[in-house]
């Protein structure tokens, strides 16, 4: 009986998983292994096709934002965390002499690319750490702090104390436009 159940479980999951896409949340948090795809995923529910947001993880090369939206020029990366990061780390760095990535995450960026994404004027910008005062002692982590486009553009250009281009960002795309920019803190 046990072997019968084990054989049918994967088949049942394959049949059920496509229907679960329709219930995906409209806003994603940090996704392990967020890939480099560029088009929104879709799912068919009845006769309607839903456009689901897609999250890509990137390094930001250039930020051009204004009240009408703007453009981000990025280098897509693969971001892994937890068990997934440990598995990729072991595969890619077998002679490292340690069991997994030191800080619990692993970034793969095999090819430097330059991709541009249009940004929705309603996009949300969320930072974890940035230079608030121009004093090194005031730089601290404040999780999920929302800033304006104007502030983000200014902060991105300031590189004296903290260079925001060195952090990964998770971009949420909807209908081909960035609707959410979330800085990933890395120790």
N, C-alpha and C. Protein backbone atom coordinates (compact mmCIF):
# COMPACT_ATOMS: atom_id res chain seq x y z
N UNK A 1 0.82 -1.19 0.00
CA UNK A 1 0.00 0.00 0.00
C UNK A 1 0.87 1.27 0.00
N UNK A 2 1.96 1.22 0.79
CA UNK A 2 2.84 2.37 0.88
C UNK A 2 3.46 2.70 -0.47
N UNK A 3 3.91 1.71 -1.23
CA UNK A 3 4.51 1.95 -2.54
C UNK A 3 3.50 2.53 -3.51
N UNK A 4 2.26 2.13 -3.43
CA UNK A 4 1.21 2.66 -4.30
C UNK A 4 1.02 4.15 -4.06
N UNK A 5 0.96 4.55 -2.78
CA UNK A 5 0.78 5.95 -2.42
C UNK A 5 1.99 6.77 -2.88
N UNK A 6 3.19 6.26 -2.68
CA UNK A 6 4.41 6.96 -3.08
C UNK A 6 4.46 7.16 -4.59
N UNK A 7 3.96 6.21 -5.34
CA UNK A 7 3.96 6.32 -6.80
C UNK A 7 2.93 7.33 -7.29
N UNK A 8 1.80 7.45 -6.63
CA UNK A 8 0.74 8.34 -7.09
C UNK A 8 0.86 9.77 -6.58
N UNK A 9 1.57 10.00 -5.49
CA UNK A 9 1.70 11.34 -4.94
C UNK A 9 2.29 12.32 -5.95
N UNK A 10 3.42 12.03 -6.61
CA UNK A 10 3.94 12.98 -7.60
C UNK A 10 2.95 13.27 -8.73
N UNK A 11 2.23 12.25 -9.18
CA UNK A 11 1.24 12.44 -10.24
C UNK A 11 0.12 13.37 -9.76
N UNK A 12 -0.34 13.18 -8.54
CA UNK A 12 -1.40 14.04 -7.98
C UNK A 12 -0.92 15.49 -7.90
N UNK A 13 0.32 15.70 -7.50
CA UNK A 13 0.85 17.05 -7.42
C UNK A 13 0.95 17.70 -8.79
N UNK A 14 1.36 16.95 -9.77
CA UNK A 14 1.46 17.49 -11.13
C UNK A 14 0.09 17.94 -11.63
N UNK A 15 -0.93 17.19 -11.33
CA UNK A 15 -2.28 17.51 -11.76
C UNK A 15 -2.81 18.72 -11.00
N UNK A 16 -2.50 18.84 -9.71
CA UNK A 16 -3.05 19.90 -8.88
C UNK A 16 -2.29 21.22 -8.96
N UNK A 17 -0.99 21.21 -9.19
CA UNK A 17 -0.19 22.43 -9.13
C UNK A 17 -0.61 23.52 -10.11
N UNK A 18 -0.92 23.23 -11.37
CA UNK A 18 -1.31 24.33 -12.25
C UNK A 18 -2.51 25.12 -11.73
N UNK A 19 -3.43 24.50 -11.08
CA UNK A 19 -4.58 25.20 -10.54
C UNK A 19 -4.23 26.08 -9.35
N UNK A 20 -3.14 25.79 -8.68
CA UNK A 20 -2.75 26.59 -7.53
C UNK A 20 -2.17 27.93 -7.93
N UNK A 21 -1.66 28.07 -9.16
CA UNK A 21 -1.12 29.35 -9.61
C UNK A 21 -2.13 30.47 -9.49
N UNK A 22 -3.38 30.18 -9.69
CA UNK A 22 -4.42 31.20 -9.65
C UNK A 22 -4.55 31.79 -8.25
N UNK A 23 -4.04 31.10 -7.25
CA UNK A 23 -4.16 31.57 -5.88
C UNK A 23 -2.88 32.21 -5.38
N UNK A 24 -1.94 32.49 -6.27
CA UNK A 24 -0.67 33.09 -5.86
C UNK A 24 -0.94 34.50 -5.34
N UNK A 25 -0.20 34.94 -4.34
CA UNK A 25 -0.42 36.28 -3.79
C UNK A 25 -0.05 37.35 -4.81
N UNK A 26 -0.68 38.50 -4.69
CA UNK A 26 -0.40 39.58 -5.64
C UNK A 26 0.92 40.27 -5.32
N UNK A 27 1.45 40.05 -4.16
CA UNK A 27 2.72 40.66 -3.77
C UNK A 27 3.61 39.58 -3.18
N UNK A 28 4.79 39.43 -3.73
CA UNK A 28 5.71 38.43 -3.24
C UNK A 28 6.71 39.07 -2.31
N UNK A 29 7.17 38.33 -1.33
CA UNK A 29 8.28 38.76 -0.47
C UNK A 29 9.57 38.36 -1.14
N UNK A 30 10.58 38.06 -0.36
CA UNK A 30 11.84 37.62 -0.92
C UNK A 30 11.69 36.20 -1.39
N UNK A 31 11.98 35.94 -2.63
CA UNK A 31 11.83 34.61 -3.19
C UNK A 31 13.19 33.97 -3.34
N UNK A 32 13.34 32.81 -2.78
CA UNK A 32 14.58 32.05 -2.98
C UNK A 32 14.67 31.67 -4.44
N UNK A 33 15.82 31.87 -5.02
CA UNK A 33 16.02 31.46 -6.40
C UNK A 33 15.25 32.31 -7.39
N UNK A 34 14.87 33.52 -7.01
CA UNK A 34 14.14 34.37 -7.95
C UNK A 34 14.97 34.49 -9.21
N UNK A 35 14.39 34.16 -10.32
CA UNK A 35 15.15 34.00 -11.55
C UNK A 35 15.32 35.26 -12.36
N UNK A 36 15.63 35.06 -13.61
CA UNK A 36 15.94 36.18 -14.48
C UNK A 36 14.94 36.33 -15.61
N UNK A 37 13.76 35.73 -15.50
CA UNK A 37 12.76 35.85 -16.56
C UNK A 37 12.31 37.29 -16.73
N UNK A 38 11.73 37.59 -17.87
CA UNK A 38 11.34 38.96 -18.12
C UNK A 38 9.84 39.14 -18.34
N UNK A 39 9.10 38.10 -18.56
CA UNK A 39 7.67 38.26 -18.82
C UNK A 39 6.86 37.82 -17.63
N UNK A 40 5.70 38.45 -17.47
CA UNK A 40 4.83 38.07 -16.36
C UNK A 40 4.27 36.67 -16.62
N UNK A 41 4.11 35.94 -15.56
CA UNK A 41 3.51 34.62 -15.66
C UNK A 41 2.01 34.79 -15.74
N UNK A 42 1.34 33.85 -16.38
CA UNK A 42 -0.11 33.94 -16.44
C UNK A 42 -0.70 32.59 -16.08
N UNK A 43 -1.93 32.64 -15.66
CA UNK A 43 -2.65 31.45 -15.29
C UNK A 43 -4.07 31.60 -15.78
N UNK A 44 -4.64 30.53 -16.30
CA UNK A 44 -5.99 30.60 -16.79
C UNK A 44 -6.95 30.09 -15.73
N UNK A 45 -7.95 30.89 -15.42
CA UNK A 45 -9.00 30.52 -14.48
C UNK A 45 -10.31 30.66 -15.23
N UNK A 46 -10.96 29.53 -15.49
CA UNK A 46 -12.16 29.58 -16.32
C UNK A 46 -11.79 30.11 -17.68
N UNK A 47 -12.43 31.17 -18.10
CA UNK A 47 -12.14 31.78 -19.40
C UNK A 47 -11.20 32.98 -19.28
N UNK A 48 -10.91 33.43 -18.05
CA UNK A 48 -10.07 34.62 -17.86
C UNK A 48 -8.61 34.22 -17.66
N UNK A 49 -7.71 35.01 -18.23
CA UNK A 49 -6.29 34.79 -18.00
C UNK A 49 -5.80 35.87 -17.05
N UNK A 50 -5.22 35.44 -15.94
CA UNK A 50 -4.71 36.36 -14.94
C UNK A 50 -3.23 36.61 -15.17
N UNK A 51 -2.81 37.86 -15.07
CA UNK A 51 -1.40 38.20 -15.14
C UNK A 51 -0.86 38.24 -13.72
N UNK A 52 0.02 37.31 -13.39
CA UNK A 52 0.59 37.24 -12.06
C UNK A 52 1.90 37.99 -12.03
N UNK A 53 2.17 38.71 -10.95
CA UNK A 53 3.46 39.41 -10.86
C UNK A 53 4.61 38.41 -10.90
N UNK A 54 5.71 38.87 -11.42
CA UNK A 54 6.93 38.06 -11.47
C UNK A 54 8.00 38.81 -10.71
N UNK A 55 8.81 38.10 -9.97
CA UNK A 55 9.90 38.73 -9.24
C UNK A 55 11.23 38.30 -9.85
N UNK A 56 12.08 39.28 -10.13
CA UNK A 56 13.43 39.02 -10.60
C UNK A 56 14.39 39.66 -9.60
N UNK A 57 15.55 39.07 -9.46
CA UNK A 57 16.55 39.62 -8.55
C UNK A 57 17.70 40.14 -9.39
N UNK A 58 18.17 41.33 -9.04
CA UNK A 58 19.12 42.04 -9.89
C UNK A 58 20.09 42.86 -9.06
N UNK A 59 21.17 43.27 -9.72
CA UNK A 59 21.99 44.39 -9.25
C UNK A 59 21.55 45.58 -10.09
N UNK A 60 21.42 46.73 -9.47
CA UNK A 60 21.05 47.94 -10.21
C UNK A 60 22.30 48.62 -10.75
N UNK A 61 22.32 48.86 -12.05
CA UNK A 61 23.44 49.57 -12.68
C UNK A 61 23.15 51.06 -12.80
N UNK A 62 21.90 51.40 -13.11
CA UNK A 62 21.52 52.80 -13.28
C UNK A 62 20.06 52.97 -12.89
N UNK A 63 19.79 54.12 -12.27
CA UNK A 63 18.44 54.44 -11.81
C UNK A 63 18.05 55.77 -12.42
N UNK A 64 17.00 55.76 -13.21
CA UNK A 64 16.47 56.99 -13.81
C UNK A 64 14.98 57.04 -13.47
N UNK A 65 14.66 57.76 -12.39
CA UNK A 65 13.29 57.80 -11.91
C UNK A 65 12.81 59.24 -11.80
N UNK A 66 11.53 59.44 -12.08
CA UNK A 66 10.89 60.74 -11.87
C UNK A 66 9.42 60.49 -11.57
N UNK A 67 8.63 61.52 -11.52
CA UNK A 67 7.22 61.37 -11.14
C UNK A 67 6.42 60.57 -12.17
N UNK A 68 6.94 60.41 -13.39
CA UNK A 68 6.25 59.63 -14.42
C UNK A 68 6.70 58.17 -14.45
N UNK A 69 7.55 57.78 -13.53
CA UNK A 69 8.08 56.41 -13.53
C UNK A 69 9.56 56.44 -13.79
N UNK A 70 9.96 55.86 -14.90
CA UNK A 70 11.36 55.87 -15.26
C UNK A 70 11.84 54.54 -15.76
N UNK A 71 13.15 54.32 -15.65
CA UNK A 71 13.79 53.11 -16.15
C UNK A 71 14.87 52.68 -15.16
N UNK A 72 14.96 51.37 -14.95
CA UNK A 72 16.05 50.78 -14.19
C UNK A 72 16.90 49.98 -15.16
N UNK A 73 18.20 50.17 -15.15
CA UNK A 73 19.11 49.35 -15.92
C UNK A 73 19.76 48.40 -14.93
N UNK A 74 19.64 47.11 -15.20
CA UNK A 74 19.99 46.10 -14.20
C UNK A 74 20.85 44.99 -14.78
N UNK A 75 21.47 44.23 -13.88
CA UNK A 75 22.17 43.00 -14.20
C UNK A 75 21.44 41.88 -13.46
N UNK A 76 20.67 41.04 -14.16
CA UNK A 76 19.94 39.96 -13.48
C UNK A 76 20.89 38.96 -12.82
N UNK A 77 20.50 38.49 -11.64
CA UNK A 77 21.28 37.50 -10.90
C UNK A 77 20.33 36.41 -10.41
N UNK A 78 20.90 35.34 -9.91
CA UNK A 78 20.11 34.31 -9.24
C UNK A 78 20.41 34.41 -7.76
N UNK A 79 19.37 34.52 -6.94
CA UNK A 79 19.49 34.67 -5.49
C UNK A 79 18.97 33.41 -4.83
N UNK A 80 19.79 32.80 -4.00
CA UNK A 80 19.39 31.59 -3.28
C UNK A 80 19.57 31.82 -1.79
N UNK A 81 18.71 31.22 -0.99
CA UNK A 81 18.87 31.31 0.46
C UNK A 81 18.47 29.99 1.11
N UNK A 82 18.93 29.78 2.33
CA UNK A 82 18.58 28.58 3.09
C UNK A 82 19.14 27.30 2.46
N UNK A 83 18.33 26.25 2.49
CA UNK A 83 18.75 24.94 1.97
C UNK A 83 19.10 25.00 0.49
N UNK A 84 18.36 25.79 -0.24
CA UNK A 84 18.62 25.92 -1.67
C UNK A 84 20.01 26.55 -1.90
N UNK A 85 20.36 27.55 -1.09
CA UNK A 85 21.68 28.18 -1.21
C UNK A 85 22.78 27.18 -0.87
N UNK A 86 22.55 26.37 0.16
CA UNK A 86 23.55 25.37 0.56
C UNK A 86 23.78 24.35 -0.56
N UNK A 87 22.70 23.94 -1.23
CA UNK A 87 22.83 22.96 -2.31
C UNK A 87 23.59 23.54 -3.50
N UNK A 88 23.27 24.76 -3.89
CA UNK A 88 23.95 25.41 -5.02
C UNK A 88 25.41 25.66 -4.66
N UNK A 89 25.65 26.11 -3.45
CA UNK A 89 27.01 26.36 -2.97
C UNK A 89 27.85 25.08 -3.05
N UNK A 90 27.29 23.96 -2.55
CA UNK A 90 28.01 22.68 -2.56
C UNK A 90 28.31 22.24 -3.99
N UNK A 91 27.38 22.49 -4.89
CA UNK A 91 27.56 22.10 -6.30
C UNK A 91 28.62 22.95 -6.99
N UNK A 92 28.60 24.25 -6.73
CA UNK A 92 29.49 25.17 -7.43
C UNK A 92 30.85 25.36 -6.77
N UNK A 93 30.92 25.10 -5.47
CA UNK A 93 32.18 25.32 -4.75
C UNK A 93 32.49 24.12 -3.84
N UNK A 94 32.68 22.95 -4.45
CA UNK A 94 32.86 21.73 -3.65
C UNK A 94 34.14 21.72 -2.80
N UNK A 95 35.11 22.52 -3.16
CA UNK A 95 36.38 22.50 -2.42
C UNK A 95 36.51 23.69 -1.46
N UNK A 96 35.39 24.30 -1.10
CA UNK A 96 35.44 25.48 -0.22
C UNK A 96 35.83 25.13 1.20
N UNK A 97 35.60 23.88 1.61
CA UNK A 97 35.97 23.47 2.96
C UNK A 97 34.95 23.85 4.02
N UNK A 98 33.79 24.32 3.62
CA UNK A 98 32.71 24.64 4.56
C UNK A 98 31.42 24.02 4.06
N UNK A 99 30.46 23.85 4.96
CA UNK A 99 29.21 23.14 4.62
C UNK A 99 28.24 23.94 3.77
N UNK A 100 28.33 25.24 3.79
CA UNK A 100 27.39 26.05 3.04
C UNK A 100 27.85 27.49 3.00
N UNK A 101 27.07 28.34 2.35
CA UNK A 101 27.44 29.74 2.26
C UNK A 101 27.48 30.37 3.65
N UNK A 102 28.49 31.18 3.95
CA UNK A 102 28.69 31.71 5.29
C UNK A 102 27.50 32.48 5.89
N UNK A 103 26.77 33.20 5.08
CA UNK A 103 25.68 34.02 5.60
C UNK A 103 24.29 33.51 5.22
N UNK A 104 24.21 32.27 4.72
CA UNK A 104 22.92 31.68 4.43
C UNK A 104 22.31 32.05 3.09
N UNK A 105 23.05 32.80 2.28
CA UNK A 105 22.57 33.12 0.94
C UNK A 105 23.71 32.89 -0.05
N UNK A 106 23.33 32.75 -1.32
CA UNK A 106 24.34 32.53 -2.37
C UNK A 106 23.84 33.21 -3.63
N UNK A 107 24.71 33.97 -4.28
CA UNK A 107 24.37 34.70 -5.49
C UNK A 107 25.14 34.10 -6.65
N UNK A 108 24.43 33.86 -7.75
CA UNK A 108 25.05 33.40 -8.99
C UNK A 108 24.88 34.51 -10.02
N UNK A 109 26.01 34.93 -10.58
CA UNK A 109 25.99 35.95 -11.63
C UNK A 109 27.08 35.58 -12.63
N UNK A 110 26.79 34.56 -13.43
CA UNK A 110 27.78 34.01 -14.36
C UNK A 110 28.09 34.93 -15.53
N UNK A 111 27.15 35.77 -15.90
CA UNK A 111 27.36 36.68 -17.02
C UNK A 111 26.82 38.06 -16.67
N UNK A 112 27.66 39.06 -16.81
CA UNK A 112 27.22 40.43 -16.56
C UNK A 112 26.37 40.86 -17.76
N UNK A 113 25.14 41.26 -17.47
CA UNK A 113 24.21 41.68 -18.51
C UNK A 113 23.73 43.09 -18.22
N UNK A 114 23.10 43.69 -19.20
CA UNK A 114 22.48 44.99 -19.01
C UNK A 114 21.07 44.93 -19.60
N UNK A 115 20.10 44.94 -18.71
CA UNK A 115 18.69 44.85 -19.11
C UNK A 115 17.98 46.07 -18.56
N UNK A 116 17.08 46.67 -19.34
CA UNK A 116 16.33 47.83 -18.88
C UNK A 116 14.88 47.45 -18.65
N UNK A 117 14.35 47.93 -17.53
CA UNK A 117 12.94 47.71 -17.19
C UNK A 117 12.26 49.05 -16.99
N UNK A 118 11.11 49.26 -17.62
CA UNK A 118 10.34 50.47 -17.31
C UNK A 118 9.76 50.35 -15.90
N UNK A 119 9.62 51.49 -15.24
CA UNK A 119 9.13 51.52 -13.87
C UNK A 119 7.79 52.26 -13.84
N UNK A 120 6.80 51.64 -13.22
CA UNK A 120 5.50 52.26 -13.05
C UNK A 120 5.61 53.47 -12.13
N UNK A 121 4.88 54.56 -12.42
CA UNK A 121 4.93 55.72 -11.53
C UNK A 121 4.38 55.42 -10.13
N UNK A 122 3.61 54.34 -10.00
CA UNK A 122 3.06 53.95 -8.70
C UNK A 122 3.95 52.94 -7.97
N UNK A 123 5.13 52.65 -8.50
CA UNK A 123 6.00 51.63 -7.91
C UNK A 123 6.40 52.01 -6.49
N UNK A 124 6.52 50.98 -5.67
CA UNK A 124 6.91 51.12 -4.28
C UNK A 124 8.41 50.84 -4.18
N UNK A 125 9.15 51.67 -3.41
CA UNK A 125 10.58 51.46 -3.19
C UNK A 125 10.78 51.19 -1.70
N UNK A 126 11.39 50.03 -1.39
CA UNK A 126 11.58 49.62 0.00
C UNK A 126 13.06 49.34 0.24
N UNK A 127 13.63 50.02 1.21
CA UNK A 127 15.05 49.86 1.53
C UNK A 127 15.22 49.26 2.92
N UNK A 128 16.38 48.66 3.13
CA UNK A 128 16.73 48.07 4.42
C UNK A 128 17.81 48.88 5.14
N UNK A 129 18.71 49.46 4.35
CA UNK A 129 19.83 50.23 4.91
C UNK A 129 20.25 51.28 3.88
N UNK A 130 20.51 52.50 4.37
CA UNK A 130 21.02 53.56 3.50
C UNK A 130 21.56 54.70 4.36
N UNK A 131 22.25 55.63 3.72
CA UNK A 131 22.84 56.78 4.40
C UNK A 131 21.75 57.82 4.61
N UNK A 132 21.32 57.99 5.85
CA UNK A 132 20.23 58.92 6.17
C UNK A 132 20.73 60.33 6.49
N UNK A 133 21.95 60.46 7.02
CA UNK A 133 22.40 61.77 7.52
C UNK A 133 23.75 62.23 6.98
N UNK A 134 24.48 61.37 6.31
CA UNK A 134 25.84 61.72 5.88
C UNK A 134 26.89 61.41 6.94
N UNK A 135 26.45 60.81 8.05
CA UNK A 135 27.38 60.44 9.12
C UNK A 135 27.45 58.91 9.20
N UNK A 136 28.66 58.33 9.14
CA UNK A 136 28.78 56.87 9.17
C UNK A 136 28.11 56.23 10.38
N UNK A 137 28.18 56.89 11.52
CA UNK A 137 27.60 56.31 12.73
C UNK A 137 26.07 56.23 12.70
N UNK A 138 25.45 56.94 11.77
CA UNK A 138 23.98 56.93 11.68
C UNK A 138 23.46 55.89 10.69
N UNK A 139 24.36 55.20 9.98
CA UNK A 139 23.91 54.19 9.02
C UNK A 139 23.52 52.95 9.81
N UNK A 140 22.25 52.61 9.72
CA UNK A 140 21.75 51.44 10.44
C UNK A 140 20.64 50.77 9.62
N UNK A 141 20.40 49.52 9.97
CA UNK A 141 19.36 48.75 9.29
C UNK A 141 18.01 49.13 9.88
N UNK A 142 17.09 49.50 9.03
CA UNK A 142 15.68 49.69 9.40
C UNK A 142 14.88 48.92 8.37
N UNK A 143 14.37 47.79 8.76
CA UNK A 143 13.73 46.86 7.83
C UNK A 143 12.53 47.49 7.13
N UNK A 144 12.48 47.26 5.83
CA UNK A 144 11.32 47.59 4.99
C UNK A 144 10.86 49.04 5.12
N UNK A 145 11.79 49.97 4.97
CA UNK A 145 11.47 51.39 5.02
C UNK A 145 11.14 51.89 3.61
N UNK A 146 9.96 52.44 3.45
CA UNK A 146 9.53 52.95 2.15
C UNK A 146 10.11 54.35 1.93
N UNK A 147 10.66 54.56 0.72
CA UNK A 147 11.16 55.88 0.34
C UNK A 147 10.54 56.27 -1.01
N UNK A 148 10.57 57.56 -1.31
CA UNK A 148 10.02 58.06 -2.57
C UNK A 148 11.00 57.80 -3.71
N UNK A 149 10.49 57.91 -4.94
CA UNK A 149 11.36 57.81 -6.12
C UNK A 149 12.49 58.82 -6.02
N UNK A 150 12.14 60.06 -5.72
CA UNK A 150 13.12 61.14 -5.66
C UNK A 150 14.22 60.81 -4.65
N UNK A 151 13.83 60.36 -3.48
CA UNK A 151 14.80 60.02 -2.43
C UNK A 151 15.68 58.86 -2.89
N UNK A 152 15.08 57.83 -3.48
CA UNK A 152 15.85 56.68 -3.94
C UNK A 152 16.87 57.09 -5.00
N UNK A 153 16.47 57.92 -5.94
CA UNK A 153 17.38 58.38 -6.98
C UNK A 153 18.56 59.13 -6.36
N UNK A 154 18.28 60.01 -5.37
CA UNK A 154 19.34 60.75 -4.67
C UNK A 154 20.28 59.79 -3.94
N UNK A 155 19.69 58.84 -3.20
CA UNK A 155 20.49 57.89 -2.42
C UNK A 155 21.36 57.02 -3.32
N UNK A 156 20.82 56.63 -4.46
CA UNK A 156 21.57 55.76 -5.38
C UNK A 156 22.80 56.48 -5.93
N UNK A 157 22.69 57.79 -6.09
CA UNK A 157 23.81 58.58 -6.62
C UNK A 157 24.87 58.88 -5.57
N UNK A 158 24.52 58.81 -4.28
CA UNK A 158 25.47 59.05 -3.19
C UNK A 158 26.23 57.76 -2.91
N UNK A 159 27.53 57.78 -3.14
CA UNK A 159 28.32 56.56 -2.93
C UNK A 159 29.45 56.76 -1.92
N UNK A 160 29.50 57.93 -1.28
CA UNK A 160 30.61 58.22 -0.36
C UNK A 160 30.66 57.24 0.81
N UNK A 161 29.54 57.02 1.49
CA UNK A 161 29.52 56.18 2.68
C UNK A 161 28.93 54.80 2.43
N UNK A 162 27.93 54.72 1.58
CA UNK A 162 27.27 53.45 1.31
C UNK A 162 26.80 53.45 -0.15
N UNK A 163 27.29 52.52 -0.92
CA UNK A 163 26.95 52.42 -2.34
C UNK A 163 25.78 51.44 -2.52
N UNK A 164 24.60 51.98 -2.82
CA UNK A 164 23.41 51.14 -2.96
C UNK A 164 23.47 50.20 -4.15
N UNK A 165 24.36 50.44 -5.09
CA UNK A 165 24.46 49.54 -6.25
C UNK A 165 25.11 48.20 -5.87
N UNK A 166 25.68 48.11 -4.68
CA UNK A 166 26.34 46.86 -4.25
C UNK A 166 25.35 45.85 -3.66
N UNK A 167 24.12 46.26 -3.47
CA UNK A 167 23.10 45.38 -2.89
C UNK A 167 22.24 44.75 -3.99
N UNK A 168 21.80 43.52 -3.79
CA UNK A 168 20.79 42.95 -4.70
C UNK A 168 19.43 43.61 -4.44
N UNK A 169 18.60 43.60 -5.45
CA UNK A 169 17.23 44.11 -5.34
C UNK A 169 16.28 43.09 -5.94
N UNK A 170 15.13 42.95 -5.32
CA UNK A 170 14.07 42.10 -5.84
C UNK A 170 13.06 43.04 -6.50
N UNK A 171 12.88 42.86 -7.81
CA UNK A 171 11.94 43.69 -8.56
C UNK A 171 10.69 42.87 -8.84
N UNK A 172 9.54 43.44 -8.55
CA UNK A 172 8.28 42.80 -8.90
C UNK A 172 7.77 43.47 -10.17
N UNK A 173 7.53 42.65 -11.19
CA UNK A 173 7.06 43.13 -12.49
C UNK A 173 5.60 42.75 -12.67
N UNK A 174 4.84 43.68 -13.19
CA UNK A 174 3.45 43.40 -13.53
C UNK A 174 3.19 44.09 -14.86
N UNK A 175 2.70 43.31 -15.81
CA UNK A 175 2.43 43.80 -17.16
C UNK A 175 3.67 44.48 -17.75
N UNK A 176 4.84 43.91 -17.48
CA UNK A 176 6.09 44.39 -18.07
C UNK A 176 6.73 45.58 -17.38
N UNK A 177 6.12 46.10 -16.31
CA UNK A 177 6.68 47.25 -15.59
C UNK A 177 7.02 46.88 -14.16
N UNK A 178 8.06 47.53 -13.65
CA UNK A 178 8.44 47.34 -12.25
C UNK A 178 7.40 48.04 -11.39
N UNK A 179 6.80 47.29 -10.46
CA UNK A 179 5.81 47.87 -9.55
C UNK A 179 6.31 47.88 -8.10
N UNK A 180 7.45 47.20 -7.87
CA UNK A 180 7.99 47.15 -6.51
C UNK A 180 9.50 46.92 -6.60
N UNK A 181 10.26 47.72 -5.83
CA UNK A 181 11.72 47.61 -5.75
C UNK A 181 12.06 47.37 -4.28
N UNK A 182 12.65 46.21 -3.98
CA UNK A 182 12.98 45.90 -2.59
C UNK A 182 14.47 45.60 -2.48
N UNK A 183 15.16 46.40 -1.69
CA UNK A 183 16.58 46.18 -1.44
C UNK A 183 16.73 44.93 -0.56
N UNK A 184 17.67 44.06 -0.94
CA UNK A 184 18.01 42.88 -0.14
C UNK A 184 19.23 43.22 0.70
N UNK A 185 19.09 43.19 2.00
CA UNK A 185 20.25 43.43 2.86
C UNK A 185 21.17 42.21 2.80
N UNK A 186 22.45 42.45 2.67
CA UNK A 186 23.45 41.38 2.74
C UNK A 186 24.50 41.81 3.76
N UNK A 187 24.83 40.91 4.69
CA UNK A 187 25.83 41.25 5.71
C UNK A 187 27.22 41.42 5.12
